[in-house]
């Protein structure tokens, strides 16, 4: 499992590296660990998490992340992306970022 930690300054740091091969499917996972609180923001309230990444041709891609059922550790939220997506379509390094959004339910009035 390839693990990436979001620090309190919002930077992403790899804490556990494994080789992920081009076109690899269902063998590995990407895990993102995020603090429950960053500045004054409760990250649990941000219910949409989007992984954005750019391949070597500078083409943008995105994947929707869902929080894991069980917490990583107290004070952290984890998101796991199985390697069965297009992220392994590309060889070499990719540039990635996370976007956190809050979606509220509309009223029928």
Protein backbone atom coordinates (compact mmCIF):
# COMPACT_ATOMS: atom_id res chain seq x y z
CA UNK A 1 0.00 0.00 0.00
CA UNK A 2 1.29 3.43 -0.99
CA UNK A 3 0.45 5.85 1.85
CA UNK A 4 0.26 9.64 1.58
CA UNK A 5 -0.18 11.88 4.63
CA UNK A 6 -1.65 15.37 4.51
CA UNK A 7 0.17 17.50 7.06
CA UNK A 8 -1.41 20.38 8.98
CA UNK A 9 0.13 22.83 6.47
CA UNK A 10 -1.88 20.99 3.72
CA UNK A 11 1.21 19.52 2.07
CA UNK A 12 1.15 15.88 0.95
CA UNK A 13 4.01 13.64 2.07
CA UNK A 14 4.56 10.02 1.14
CA UNK A 15 5.00 7.97 4.32
CA UNK A 16 5.12 4.50 2.75
CA UNK A 17 6.26 3.84 -0.81
CA UNK A 18 5.73 0.77 -2.91
CA UNK A 19 6.30 0.28 -6.59
CA UNK A 20 3.12 0.61 -8.60
CA UNK A 21 3.47 -0.74 -12.11
CA UNK A 22 1.87 0.68 -15.23
CA UNK A 23 -1.54 -0.90 -15.89
CA UNK A 24 -1.51 -2.63 -12.48
CA UNK A 25 -5.00 -3.68 -11.41
CA UNK A 26 -6.36 -4.68 -8.00
CA UNK A 27 -2.93 -5.54 -6.60
CA UNK A 28 -2.15 -2.38 -4.68
CA UNK A 29 -3.88 0.61 -3.07
CA UNK A 30 -3.29 4.31 -2.49
CA UNK A 31 -4.14 5.41 1.04
CA UNK A 32 -4.53 9.08 1.95
CA UNK A 33 -4.39 10.05 5.63
CA UNK A 34 -5.88 13.44 6.57
CA UNK A 35 -6.07 15.14 10.00
CA UNK A 36 -9.63 15.56 11.27
CA UNK A 37 -8.88 19.25 11.94
CA UNK A 38 -6.84 21.62 9.79
CA UNK A 39 -6.74 25.18 11.09
CA UNK A 40 -10.32 25.65 12.29
CA UNK A 41 -11.87 23.36 9.67
CA UNK A 42 -13.45 20.06 10.67
CA UNK A 43 -12.47 17.86 7.73
CA UNK A 44 -15.32 15.42 8.56
CA UNK A 45 -17.77 18.11 7.40
CA UNK A 46 -16.21 18.23 3.93
CA UNK A 47 -18.06 15.34 2.35
CA UNK A 48 -16.55 15.38 -1.14
CA UNK A 49 -12.87 14.58 -1.61
CA UNK A 50 -11.46 14.74 -5.10
CA UNK A 51 -8.02 13.39 -6.04
CA UNK A 52 -6.75 15.44 -8.96
CA UNK A 53 -3.70 14.30 -10.88
CA UNK A 54 -1.80 15.24 -14.01
CA UNK A 55 -0.03 12.76 -16.24
CA UNK A 56 3.21 13.35 -18.14
CA UNK A 57 1.33 14.97 -21.04
CA UNK A 58 -0.15 17.55 -18.62
CA UNK A 59 -3.62 16.07 -19.04
CA UNK A 60 -5.76 16.46 -15.91
CA UNK A 61 -7.65 13.54 -14.38
CA UNK A 62 -9.65 13.07 -11.18
CA UNK A 63 -10.96 10.34 -8.88
CA UNK A 64 -13.61 10.65 -6.17
CA UNK A 65 -12.40 9.39 -2.78
CA UNK A 66 -14.67 7.93 -0.10
CA UNK A 67 -13.71 7.89 3.57
CA UNK A 68 -12.87 4.46 4.99
CA UNK A 69 -15.38 2.94 7.40
CA UNK A 70 -12.84 2.52 10.17
CA UNK A 71 -10.68 5.48 11.20
CA UNK A 72 -6.95 5.29 10.61
CA UNK A 73 -6.02 6.54 14.10
CA UNK A 74 -7.67 8.89 16.51
CA UNK A 75 -7.64 12.35 14.98
CA UNK A 76 -7.22 11.16 11.37
CA UNK A 77 -9.49 10.23 8.46
CA UNK A 78 -8.33 7.76 5.82
CA UNK A 79 -9.34 7.38 2.19
CA UNK A 80 -8.33 4.34 0.15
CA UNK A 81 -8.24 4.24 -3.63
CA UNK A 82 -7.98 0.71 -5.04
CA UNK A 83 -5.59 0.50 -7.96
CA UNK A 84 -8.29 -0.38 -10.48
CA UNK A 85 -8.60 3.10 -11.94
CA UNK A 86 -6.94 4.93 -14.80
CA UNK A 87 -4.21 6.24 -12.47
CA UNK A 88 -1.99 3.29 -13.45
CA UNK A 89 -2.50 3.94 -17.16
CA UNK A 90 0.52 6.24 -17.11
CA UNK A 91 4.18 5.34 -16.67
CA UNK A 92 6.44 7.56 -14.56
CA UNK A 93 5.59 10.20 -12.00
CA UNK A 94 2.27 11.94 -11.72
CA UNK A 95 1.49 15.19 -9.90
CA UNK A 96 -1.46 15.01 -7.52
CA UNK A 97 -3.51 17.18 -5.18
CA UNK A 98 -6.61 16.76 -3.02
CA UNK A 99 -9.65 19.04 -3.10
CA UNK A 100 -12.12 19.02 -0.22
CA UNK A 101 -15.67 20.27 -0.82
CA UNK A 102 -18.83 20.57 1.21
CA UNK A 103 -22.05 19.65 -0.54
CA UNK A 104 -25.30 20.41 1.22
CA UNK A 105 -28.65 18.90 0.45
CA UNK A 106 -31.11 21.21 -1.21
CA UNK A 107 -34.66 21.68 -0.02
CA UNK A 108 -37.75 20.79 -2.04
CA UNK A 109 -39.60 24.02 -1.09
